[in-house]
Amino acid sequence: MGGDVVTPMETPQKKKVADMIDSIDLWSIQTGMLMKNNPIIRLAFLMYLLVMHIWVLFVLVFHAHNLEAGGNEGGSYRHAEQNAPTFPGQN
C-alpha cells in the first residue's frame, strides 16, 4: 500500500481525493472489525435497520392511502390557501 507515493502526473487535487478515499476505506475496515468482534453492536445495527424499514413502509402505506382518499396531507397546500389571512390592499 504505497499511499504516500506521488507520481509526477498527480496533482494536489488527486492526492486529496486519494487521501479521502483512503480514510473512508480505513473507517469501513475499522467499522467492519467492530461489528465482527462485538455481537451487541451487530444486533443494535440490525435492529436499527429493521426499525428504519418498518418506518419507511409505514410512511409509504399511509401516504399512498391518503392520496387515494383525496386527503390534503398528501402534499397539497389548497387548505392553506383557502384559510390564508387577507390584508388591506390585497385582492
N, C-alpha and C. Protein backbone atom coordinates (compact mmCIF):
# COMPACT_ATOMS: atom_id res chain seq x y z
N MET A 1 0.83 -1.18 0.00
CA MET A 1 0.00 0.00 0.00
C MET A 1 0.88 1.25 0.00
N GLY A 2 1.19 1.70 -1.15
CA GLY A 2 2.04 2.88 -1.27
C GLY A 2 1.22 4.13 -1.40
N GLY A 3 0.44 4.47 -0.39
CA GLY A 3 -0.42 5.65 -0.44
C GLY A 3 0.35 6.95 -0.43
N ASP A 4 1.62 6.94 0.00
CA ASP A 4 2.40 8.17 0.09
C ASP A 4 3.21 8.45 -1.17
N VAL A 5 3.21 7.54 -2.12
CA VAL A 5 3.98 7.72 -3.35
C VAL A 5 3.19 8.62 -4.28
N VAL A 6 3.84 9.73 -4.71
CA VAL A 6 3.20 10.68 -5.62
C VAL A 6 3.98 10.66 -6.92
N THR A 7 3.30 10.32 -8.01
CA THR A 7 3.96 10.31 -9.31
C THR A 7 3.94 11.71 -9.89
N PRO A 8 4.79 12.00 -10.86
CA PRO A 8 4.83 13.35 -11.44
C PRO A 8 3.51 13.77 -12.09
N MET A 9 2.67 12.81 -12.51
CA MET A 9 1.42 13.14 -13.17
C MET A 9 0.32 13.52 -12.19
N GLU A 10 0.52 13.25 -10.90
CA GLU A 10 -0.54 13.54 -9.92
C GLU A 10 -0.56 15.02 -9.58
N THR A 11 -1.77 15.51 -9.38
CA THR A 11 -1.95 16.89 -8.96
C THR A 11 -2.32 16.90 -7.49
N PRO A 12 -2.25 18.04 -6.83
CA PRO A 12 -2.65 18.11 -5.41
C PRO A 12 -4.11 17.72 -5.19
N GLN A 13 -4.98 18.01 -6.16
CA GLN A 13 -6.38 17.65 -6.04
C GLN A 13 -6.55 16.13 -6.06
N LYS A 14 -5.81 15.44 -6.94
CA LYS A 14 -5.88 13.99 -7.00
C LYS A 14 -5.37 13.38 -5.69
N LYS A 15 -4.35 13.99 -5.12
CA LYS A 15 -3.80 13.50 -3.85
C LYS A 15 -4.84 13.66 -2.74
N LYS A 16 -5.55 14.78 -2.71
CA LYS A 16 -6.58 14.99 -1.70
C LYS A 16 -7.70 13.96 -1.83
N VAL A 17 -8.11 13.69 -3.07
CA VAL A 17 -9.18 12.71 -3.31
C VAL A 17 -8.71 11.33 -2.88
N ALA A 18 -7.46 10.98 -3.22
CA ALA A 18 -6.93 9.68 -2.84
C ALA A 18 -6.85 9.54 -1.32
N ASP A 19 -6.44 10.60 -0.63
CA ASP A 19 -6.38 10.57 0.83
C ASP A 19 -7.77 10.42 1.44
N MET A 20 -8.75 11.09 0.85
CA MET A 20 -10.12 10.98 1.35
C MET A 20 -10.65 9.56 1.16
N ILE A 21 -10.38 8.98 0.01
CA ILE A 21 -10.82 7.60 -0.24
C ILE A 21 -10.13 6.64 0.72
N ASP A 22 -8.84 6.86 0.98
CA ASP A 22 -8.11 6.02 1.93
C ASP A 22 -8.70 6.12 3.33
N SER A 23 -9.09 7.33 3.74
CA SER A 23 -9.65 7.49 5.09
C SER A 23 -11.03 6.83 5.19
N ILE A 24 -11.84 6.91 4.13
CA ILE A 24 -13.13 6.23 4.12
C ILE A 24 -12.93 4.72 4.15
N ASP A 25 -11.95 4.24 3.41
CA ASP A 25 -11.64 2.81 3.40
C ASP A 25 -11.20 2.34 4.78
N LEU A 26 -10.35 3.11 5.44
CA LEU A 26 -9.89 2.75 6.79
C LEU A 26 -11.06 2.73 7.76
N TRP A 27 -11.95 3.72 7.68
CA TRP A 27 -13.13 3.76 8.56
C TRP A 27 -14.01 2.54 8.32
N SER A 28 -14.18 2.16 7.04
CA SER A 28 -15.01 1.00 6.72
C SER A 28 -14.42 -0.28 7.29
N ILE A 29 -13.11 -0.43 7.20
CA ILE A 29 -12.45 -1.62 7.74
C ILE A 29 -12.58 -1.65 9.26
N GLN A 30 -12.37 -0.52 9.92
CA GLN A 30 -12.49 -0.47 11.38
C GLN A 30 -13.93 -0.75 11.82
N THR A 31 -14.91 -0.23 11.10
CA THR A 31 -16.30 -0.48 11.44
C THR A 31 -16.64 -1.95 11.25
N GLY A 32 -16.15 -2.55 10.17
CA GLY A 32 -16.38 -3.97 9.94
C GLY A 32 -15.77 -4.83 11.03
N MET A 33 -14.58 -4.48 11.48
CA MET A 33 -13.93 -5.24 12.56
C MET A 33 -14.71 -5.08 13.87
N LEU A 34 -15.21 -3.89 14.12
CA LEU A 34 -16.01 -3.65 15.33
C LEU A 34 -17.28 -4.49 15.30
N MET A 35 -17.94 -4.51 14.14
CA MET A 35 -19.17 -5.31 14.01
C MET A 35 -18.86 -6.80 14.15
N LYS A 36 -17.71 -7.24 13.62
CA LYS A 36 -17.34 -8.64 13.68
C LYS A 36 -17.05 -9.08 15.11
N ASN A 37 -16.45 -8.21 15.89
CA ASN A 37 -15.99 -8.58 17.22
C ASN A 37 -16.99 -8.26 18.33
N ASN A 38 -18.05 -7.53 18.05
CA ASN A 38 -18.97 -7.12 19.10
C ASN A 38 -20.41 -7.47 18.69
N PRO A 39 -20.94 -8.58 19.21
CA PRO A 39 -22.28 -9.00 18.79
C PRO A 39 -23.39 -8.05 19.24
N ILE A 40 -23.20 -7.32 20.32
CA ILE A 40 -24.24 -6.38 20.77
C ILE A 40 -24.38 -5.22 19.78
N ILE A 41 -23.27 -4.72 19.29
CA ILE A 41 -23.31 -3.64 18.30
C ILE A 41 -23.92 -4.17 17.00
N ARG A 42 -23.59 -5.39 16.63
CA ARG A 42 -24.16 -6.01 15.43
C ARG A 42 -25.67 -6.14 15.57
N LEU A 43 -26.13 -6.57 16.73
CA LEU A 43 -27.58 -6.69 16.97
C LEU A 43 -28.26 -5.32 16.96
N ALA A 44 -27.62 -4.33 17.56
CA ALA A 44 -28.18 -2.97 17.57
C ALA A 44 -28.29 -2.43 16.14
N PHE A 45 -27.29 -2.69 15.32
CA PHE A 45 -27.33 -2.23 13.93
C PHE A 45 -28.46 -2.91 13.16
N LEU A 46 -28.62 -4.21 13.36
CA LEU A 46 -29.70 -4.93 12.69
C LEU A 46 -31.07 -4.44 13.17
N MET A 47 -31.21 -4.14 14.44
CA MET A 47 -32.47 -3.60 14.96
C MET A 47 -32.75 -2.21 14.35
N TYR A 48 -31.71 -1.41 14.22
CA TYR A 48 -31.85 -0.09 13.60
C TYR A 48 -32.35 -0.24 12.16
N LEU A 49 -31.74 -1.16 11.40
CA LEU A 49 -32.19 -1.39 10.03
C LEU A 49 -33.63 -1.85 9.98
N LEU A 50 -34.01 -2.74 10.87
CA LEU A 50 -35.38 -3.24 10.92
C LEU A 50 -36.37 -2.10 11.21
N VAL A 51 -36.05 -1.27 12.20
CA VAL A 51 -36.93 -0.15 12.55
C VAL A 51 -37.04 0.84 11.39
N MET A 52 -35.94 1.12 10.71
CA MET A 52 -35.98 2.05 9.57
C MET A 52 -36.84 1.49 8.44
N HIS A 53 -36.72 0.19 8.17
CA HIS A 53 -37.54 -0.41 7.12
C HIS A 53 -39.03 -0.37 7.48
N ILE A 54 -39.35 -0.67 8.70
CA ILE A 54 -40.75 -0.62 9.13
C ILE A 54 -41.29 0.80 9.04
N TRP A 55 -40.49 1.78 9.44
CA TRP A 55 -40.92 3.18 9.39
C TRP A 55 -41.16 3.61 7.95
N VAL A 56 -40.26 3.24 7.03
CA VAL A 56 -40.43 3.62 5.63
C VAL A 56 -41.68 2.97 5.05
N LEU A 57 -41.90 1.70 5.35
CA LEU A 57 -43.12 1.04 4.87
C LEU A 57 -44.36 1.71 5.43
N PHE A 58 -44.33 2.07 6.70
CA PHE A 58 -45.45 2.76 7.34
C PHE A 58 -45.75 4.07 6.63
N VAL A 59 -44.71 4.86 6.37
CA VAL A 59 -44.90 6.15 5.70
C VAL A 59 -45.43 5.95 4.29
N LEU A 60 -44.88 4.99 3.56
CA LEU A 60 -45.34 4.76 2.19
C LEU A 60 -46.79 4.29 2.15
N VAL A 61 -47.15 3.37 3.03
CA VAL A 61 -48.51 2.83 3.01
C VAL A 61 -49.52 3.91 3.37
N PHE A 62 -49.27 4.67 4.44
CA PHE A 62 -50.25 5.66 4.85
C PHE A 62 -50.25 6.89 3.96
N HIS A 63 -49.12 7.22 3.36
CA HIS A 63 -49.09 8.33 2.42
C HIS A 63 -49.87 7.96 1.16
N ALA A 64 -49.66 6.75 0.65
CA ALA A 64 -50.38 6.31 -0.55
C ALA A 64 -51.88 6.20 -0.25
N HIS A 65 -52.23 5.71 0.93
CA HIS A 65 -53.64 5.61 1.30
C HIS A 65 -54.28 6.99 1.36
N ASN A 66 -53.56 7.96 1.88
CA ASN A 66 -54.08 9.32 1.99
C ASN A 66 -54.26 9.94 0.61
N LEU A 67 -53.36 9.65 -0.32
CA LEU A 67 -53.52 10.18 -1.68
C LEU A 67 -54.74 9.58 -2.37
N GLU A 68 -54.98 8.29 -2.15
CA GLU A 68 -56.13 7.63 -2.76
C GLU A 68 -57.43 8.17 -2.17
N ALA A 69 -57.40 8.54 -0.89
CA ALA A 69 -58.60 9.04 -0.23
C ALA A 69 -58.86 10.51 -0.56
N GLY A 70 -57.91 11.17 -1.21
CA GLY A 70 -58.09 12.57 -1.59
C GLY A 70 -57.81 13.54 -0.46
N GLY A 71 -57.01 13.13 0.50
CA GLY A 71 -56.68 13.99 1.64
C GLY A 71 -55.71 15.09 1.26
N ASN A 72 -55.70 16.15 2.06
CA ASN A 72 -54.80 17.27 1.82
C ASN A 72 -53.41 17.02 2.36
N GLU A 73 -53.23 16.01 3.18
CA GLU A 73 -51.92 15.78 3.76
C GLU A 73 -50.95 15.16 2.76
N GLY A 74 -51.40 14.88 1.57
CA GLY A 74 -50.55 14.26 0.56
C GLY A 74 -49.65 15.24 -0.15
N GLY A 75 -49.51 16.44 0.31
CA GLY A 75 -48.62 17.40 -0.30
C GLY A 75 -49.34 18.59 -0.90
N SER A 76 -50.65 18.66 -0.80
CA SER A 76 -51.41 19.77 -1.35
C SER A 76 -51.52 20.88 -0.31
N TYR A 77 -51.39 22.10 -0.77
CA TYR A 77 -51.49 23.25 0.13
C TYR A 77 -52.77 24.05 -0.12
N ARG A 78 -53.76 23.41 -0.75
CA ARG A 78 -55.01 24.11 -1.02
C ARG A 78 -55.68 24.59 0.26
N HIS A 79 -55.63 23.77 1.31
CA HIS A 79 -56.26 24.16 2.57
C HIS A 79 -55.59 25.39 3.16
N ALA A 80 -54.29 25.56 2.95
CA ALA A 80 -53.59 26.73 3.46
C ALA A 80 -53.99 27.97 2.67
N GLU A 81 -54.19 27.81 1.37
CA GLU A 81 -54.58 28.95 0.54
C GLU A 81 -56.00 29.40 0.87
N GLN A 82 -56.89 28.46 1.19
CA GLN A 82 -58.28 28.80 1.49
C GLN A 82 -58.39 29.55 2.82
N ASN A 83 -57.51 29.23 3.76
CA ASN A 83 -57.58 29.84 5.09
C ASN A 83 -56.56 30.95 5.28
N ALA A 84 -55.96 31.41 4.20
CA ALA A 84 -54.93 32.44 4.30
C ALA A 84 -55.57 33.75 4.74
N PRO A 85 -54.91 34.48 5.62
CA PRO A 85 -55.46 35.78 6.04
C PRO A 85 -55.38 36.80 4.92
N THR A 86 -56.30 37.70 4.89
CA THR A 86 -56.27 38.77 3.90
C THR A 86 -55.84 40.04 4.59
N PHE A 87 -55.08 40.84 3.88
CA PHE A 87 -54.55 42.08 4.43
C PHE A 87 -55.11 43.23 3.62
N PRO A 88 -55.19 44.40 4.22
CA PRO A 88 -55.70 45.56 3.49
C PRO A 88 -54.85 45.83 2.24
N GLY A 89 -55.53 46.06 1.13
CA GLY A 89 -54.84 46.33 -0.12
C GLY A 89 -54.61 45.10 -0.95
N GLN A 90 -54.96 43.90 -0.42
CA GLN A 90 -54.80 42.68 -1.21
C GLN A 90 -56.07 42.43 -2.00
N ASN A 91 -55.92 41.82 -3.17
CA ASN A 91 -57.09 41.48 -3.98
C ASN A 91 -57.58 40.13 -3.58
